[in-house]
N, C-alpha and C. Protein backbone atom coordinates (compact mmCIF):
# COMPACT_ATOMS: atom_id res chain seq x y z
N UNK A 1 73.79 69.93 171.97
CA UNK A 1 75.06 70.90 171.99
C UNK A 1 74.38 71.54 173.49
N UNK A 2 73.19 70.57 174.13
CA UNK A 2 72.94 71.27 175.35
C UNK A 2 73.76 71.45 176.34
N UNK A 3 74.61 70.59 176.43
CA UNK A 3 75.57 70.06 177.11
C UNK A 3 76.50 71.60 177.87
N UNK A 4 76.40 72.42 176.35
CA UNK A 4 77.34 74.03 176.81
C UNK A 4 76.08 74.78 177.00
N UNK A 5 76.52 75.89 178.07
CA UNK A 5 75.65 77.31 178.31
C UNK A 5 75.82 77.89 176.97
N UNK A 6 75.20 78.09 176.03
CA UNK A 6 75.49 78.52 175.15
C UNK A 6 75.24 80.27 174.68
N UNK A 7 75.70 81.01 174.50
CA UNK A 7 74.45 82.42 174.51
C UNK A 7 74.89 83.16 173.32
N UNK A 8 74.78 84.26 173.27
CA UNK A 8 74.95 84.65 171.84
C UNK A 8 76.52 84.78 171.64
N UNK A 9 76.58 86.14 172.64
CA UNK A 9 78.26 86.16 172.04
C UNK A 9 79.22 84.91 172.01
N UNK A 10 79.05 84.09 173.08
CA UNK A 10 79.97 82.67 172.74
C UNK A 10 79.76 82.16 170.83
N UNK A 11 78.37 82.15 170.97
CA UNK A 11 77.85 81.17 169.66
C UNK A 11 78.66 82.41 168.36
N UNK A 12 78.87 83.69 168.69
CA UNK A 12 78.94 84.11 167.49
C UNK A 12 80.80 84.16 167.69
N UNK A 13 80.89 84.09 168.87
CA UNK A 13 82.65 83.85 168.39
C UNK A 13 83.04 82.93 167.70
N UNK A 14 82.41 81.37 168.43
CA UNK A 14 82.76 80.34 167.43
C UNK A 14 82.56 80.63 165.83
N UNK A 15 81.31 80.89 165.85
CA UNK A 15 80.86 81.41 163.84
C UNK A 15 81.82 82.46 163.21
N UNK A 16 82.32 83.31 164.23
CA UNK A 16 83.05 84.21 162.97
C UNK A 16 85.18 83.02 163.12
N UNK A 17 84.95 82.67 164.13
CA UNK A 17 86.40 82.01 164.08
C UNK A 17 86.35 80.69 162.98
N UNK A 18 85.16 80.05 162.76
CA UNK A 18 84.91 79.24 161.77
C UNK A 18 84.69 79.72 160.40
N UNK A 19 84.04 81.18 160.38
CA UNK A 19 84.16 81.86 159.01
C UNK A 19 85.61 81.84 158.71
N UNK A 20 86.48 82.60 159.48
CA UNK A 20 87.59 83.01 159.62
C UNK A 20 88.77 81.81 158.97
N UNK A 21 88.29 80.70 159.38
CA UNK A 21 89.25 79.29 158.67
C UNK A 21 88.83 79.43 157.75
N UNK A 22 87.42 79.13 157.51
CA UNK A 22 87.18 78.84 156.16
C UNK A 22 87.16 79.71 154.88
N UNK A 23 87.84 81.50 155.02
CA UNK A 23 87.78 82.47 154.10
C UNK A 23 89.21 82.36 154.12
N UNK A 24 90.47 81.71 155.34
CA UNK A 24 91.39 81.39 155.05
C UNK A 24 91.95 80.76 154.02
N UNK A 25 91.05 79.59 154.10
CA UNK A 25 91.32 78.33 153.83
C UNK A 25 90.79 78.59 152.04
N UNK A 26 89.59 79.39 151.86
CA UNK A 26 89.45 79.53 149.97
C UNK A 26 90.55 80.37 149.69
N UNK A 27 90.92 81.63 150.53
CA UNK A 27 91.93 82.30 150.09
C UNK A 27 93.24 81.64 149.61
N UNK A 28 93.38 80.38 150.71
CA UNK A 28 94.70 79.84 149.97
C UNK A 28 94.85 78.93 148.59
N UNK A 29 93.10 78.38 149.06
CA UNK A 29 93.38 77.22 147.64
C UNK A 29 93.62 78.31 146.54
N UNK A 30 92.95 80.05 146.25
CA UNK A 30 92.34 80.93 145.44
C UNK A 30 94.29 81.26 144.98
N UNK A 31 95.04 81.92 146.08
CA UNK A 31 96.15 82.48 146.20
C UNK A 31 96.83 81.69 147.12
N UNK A 32 97.93 81.21 146.66
CA UNK A 32 98.29 80.40 147.73
C UNK A 32 100.04 80.95 148.50
N UNK A 33 100.08 81.31 149.16
CA UNK A 33 101.10 82.38 149.97
C UNK A 33 102.08 82.25 150.19
N UNK A 34 103.60 82.57 150.30
CA UNK A 34 104.70 82.74 150.64
C UNK A 34 105.09 82.93 151.97
N UNK A 35 105.99 82.38 152.50
CA UNK A 35 106.71 82.93 153.79
C UNK A 35 107.06 84.39 153.52
N UNK A 36 106.56 84.81 154.58
CA UNK A 36 107.51 86.70 154.83
C UNK A 36 108.01 87.02 156.26
N UNK A 37 108.83 87.24 156.11
CA UNK A 37 108.72 88.12 157.32
C UNK A 37 108.35 89.60 157.58
N UNK A 38 107.98 89.82 158.46
CA UNK A 38 107.02 90.99 158.61
C UNK A 38 107.92 91.74 160.24
N UNK A 39 107.08 92.26 160.99
CA UNK A 39 107.44 92.52 162.67
C UNK A 39 107.59 91.36 163.42
N UNK A 40 106.96 90.52 163.08
CA UNK A 40 107.72 88.78 163.85
C UNK A 40 109.01 88.30 163.78
N UNK A 41 109.30 87.87 164.43
CA UNK A 41 110.83 87.71 164.72
C UNK A 41 110.66 86.24 164.15
N UNK A 42 109.67 85.50 162.76
CA UNK A 42 110.28 84.53 162.16
C UNK A 42 109.40 84.65 161.08
N UNK A 43 109.92 84.24 159.76
CA UNK A 43 108.87 84.12 158.68
C UNK A 43 108.00 83.23 159.16
N UNK A 44 106.63 83.91 158.61
CA UNK A 44 105.28 83.29 158.71
C UNK A 44 104.58 83.43 157.62
N UNK A 45 103.49 82.24 157.60
CA UNK A 45 102.86 82.46 156.06
C UNK A 45 100.79 82.81 156.73
N UNK A 46 100.14 83.50 156.02
CA UNK A 46 99.05 83.60 156.13
C UNK A 46 98.32 82.90 157.50
N UNK A 47 98.53 81.44 157.75
CA UNK A 47 97.54 80.42 158.36
C UNK A 47 98.25 81.03 159.50
N UNK A 48 99.87 81.29 159.38
CA UNK A 48 100.44 81.05 160.85
C UNK A 48 100.57 82.75 161.52
N UNK A 49 100.14 83.52 160.56
CA UNK A 49 100.09 84.96 161.32
C UNK A 49 98.61 84.80 161.72
N UNK A 50 97.38 84.58 161.35
CA UNK A 50 96.08 83.71 161.82
C UNK A 50 96.26 83.70 162.86
N UNK A 51 96.95 82.51 163.36
CA UNK A 51 96.75 81.44 164.37
C UNK A 51 97.67 82.80 165.65
N UNK A 52 98.08 82.97 165.25
CA UNK A 52 99.66 83.91 166.26
C UNK A 52 98.71 85.17 166.56
N UNK A 53 97.78 85.92 165.68
CA UNK A 53 96.97 87.14 166.28
C UNK A 53 95.72 86.12 167.15
N UNK A 54 94.78 85.36 166.67
CA UNK A 54 93.98 84.66 167.58
C UNK A 54 94.72 84.09 168.96
N UNK A 55 95.54 83.91 169.23
CA UNK A 55 96.33 83.11 170.35
C UNK A 55 96.53 84.51 171.35
N UNK A 56 97.51 85.54 170.33
CA UNK A 56 97.56 87.15 171.23
C UNK A 56 96.09 87.70 171.48
N UNK A 57 95.17 87.70 170.49
CA UNK A 57 94.30 88.08 171.23
C UNK A 57 93.65 87.45 172.66
N UNK A 58 93.92 86.07 172.71
CA UNK A 58 93.48 85.30 173.73
C UNK A 58 94.05 86.03 174.58
N UNK A 59 95.18 85.68 174.74
CA UNK A 59 96.11 86.28 176.32
C UNK A 59 95.60 87.73 176.07
N UNK A 60 95.44 88.79 175.43
CA UNK A 60 95.04 89.99 175.80
C UNK A 60 93.60 90.13 176.80
N UNK A 61 92.81 88.98 176.50
CA UNK A 61 91.37 89.07 176.90
C UNK A 61 91.96 88.63 178.72
N UNK A 62 92.38 87.39 178.22
CA UNK A 62 92.69 86.66 180.11
C UNK A 62 93.38 88.36 180.83
N UNK A 63 94.20 88.55 180.46
CA UNK A 63 95.28 89.55 181.15
C UNK A 63 93.89 90.76 181.64
N UNK A 64 93.18 91.02 180.66
CA UNK A 64 91.75 91.85 180.82
C UNK A 64 91.04 91.42 182.40
N UNK A 65 90.59 89.97 181.67
CA UNK A 65 89.46 89.60 183.04
C UNK A 65 90.39 89.07 184.02
N UNK A 66 91.28 89.08 184.32
CA UNK A 66 92.28 88.71 185.64
C UNK A 66 92.55 89.84 186.32
N UNK A 67 93.03 91.14 185.33
CA UNK A 67 93.71 92.08 186.10
C UNK A 67 92.37 93.45 186.45
N UNK A 68 91.65 93.64 185.97
CA UNK A 68 91.47 94.85 185.68
C UNK A 68 89.20 94.61 185.88
N UNK A 69 88.98 95.49 186.18
CA UNK A 69 86.94 94.95 186.11
C UNK A 69 86.69 95.84 184.55
N UNK A 70 87.29 96.16 184.03
CA UNK A 70 86.79 96.98 182.83
C UNK A 70 86.32 96.11 181.93
N UNK A 71 84.86 96.36 181.21
CA UNK A 71 84.19 96.10 180.18
C UNK A 71 84.79 95.36 179.22
N UNK A 72 84.59 93.92 178.62
CA UNK A 72 85.26 92.77 177.45
C UNK A 72 85.29 93.59 176.40
N UNK A 73 84.47 94.80 176.25
CA UNK A 73 84.70 95.60 174.98
C UNK A 73 86.09 95.97 174.58
N UNK A 74 87.02 96.97 175.72
CA UNK A 74 87.80 97.17 175.54
C UNK A 74 89.20 96.29 174.98
N UNK A 75 89.19 94.78 175.56
CA UNK A 75 90.05 93.87 175.19
C UNK A 75 89.67 93.56 174.06
N UNK A 76 88.59 93.64 173.58
CA UNK A 76 87.89 93.62 172.00
C UNK A 76 88.34 94.39 171.41
N UNK A 77 88.19 94.81 172.12
CA UNK A 77 88.98 96.52 170.54
C UNK A 77 90.56 96.44 170.34
N UNK A 78 91.44 96.21 171.36
CA UNK A 78 92.57 95.92 171.42
C UNK A 78 92.93 94.60 170.74
N UNK A 79 92.35 93.63 171.07
CA UNK A 79 92.32 92.51 170.13
C UNK A 79 91.90 92.47 168.58
N UNK A 80 91.01 93.14 167.87
CA UNK A 80 90.84 93.52 167.03
C UNK A 80 91.92 94.23 165.94
N UNK A 81 92.35 94.73 167.21
CA UNK A 81 93.83 96.35 165.82
C UNK A 81 94.72 95.15 165.79
N UNK A 82 95.19 94.12 167.14
CA UNK A 82 96.49 93.20 167.31
C UNK A 82 96.26 92.30 166.00
N UNK A 83 94.81 92.08 165.79
CA UNK A 83 94.44 90.82 164.89
C UNK A 83 95.01 90.87 163.62
N UNK A 84 94.25 92.41 163.45
CA UNK A 84 94.47 93.12 161.41
C UNK A 84 96.21 93.35 161.70
N UNK A 85 96.42 94.24 162.83
CA UNK A 85 98.26 94.30 163.01
C UNK A 85 99.19 93.26 162.19
N UNK A 86 98.68 91.85 162.97
CA UNK A 86 99.74 90.53 162.65
C UNK A 86 99.26 90.28 161.51
N UNK A 87 97.94 90.33 161.00
CA UNK A 87 97.69 89.86 159.70
C UNK A 87 98.16 90.85 158.46
N UNK A 88 98.40 91.87 158.54
CA UNK A 88 98.44 92.79 157.48
C UNK A 88 100.44 92.96 157.34
N UNK A 89 100.73 93.03 158.68
CA UNK A 89 102.44 93.31 158.96
C UNK A 89 103.00 92.98 159.87
N UNK A 90 102.42 91.58 160.09
CA UNK A 90 103.21 90.57 161.14
C UNK A 90 104.11 89.57 160.36
């Protein structure tokens, strides 16, 4: 893995994503979910909401990186709130 310039934040990011996928897989095996309709305009499963939340978080970060000079902690906080909201009420 020496071809990539791993930093602690990037390693933590990918480890966190892998842990989220592992927990979601175990949770799905133990308690299968059914589709439900929340504030999103489509019926979604737990995995769909995780994917939409992560995709939205990526766009939030790209917007902040491209449009502002604010520290990365601001979009990180907004992304956490977005992800929790989508997983809970999406």
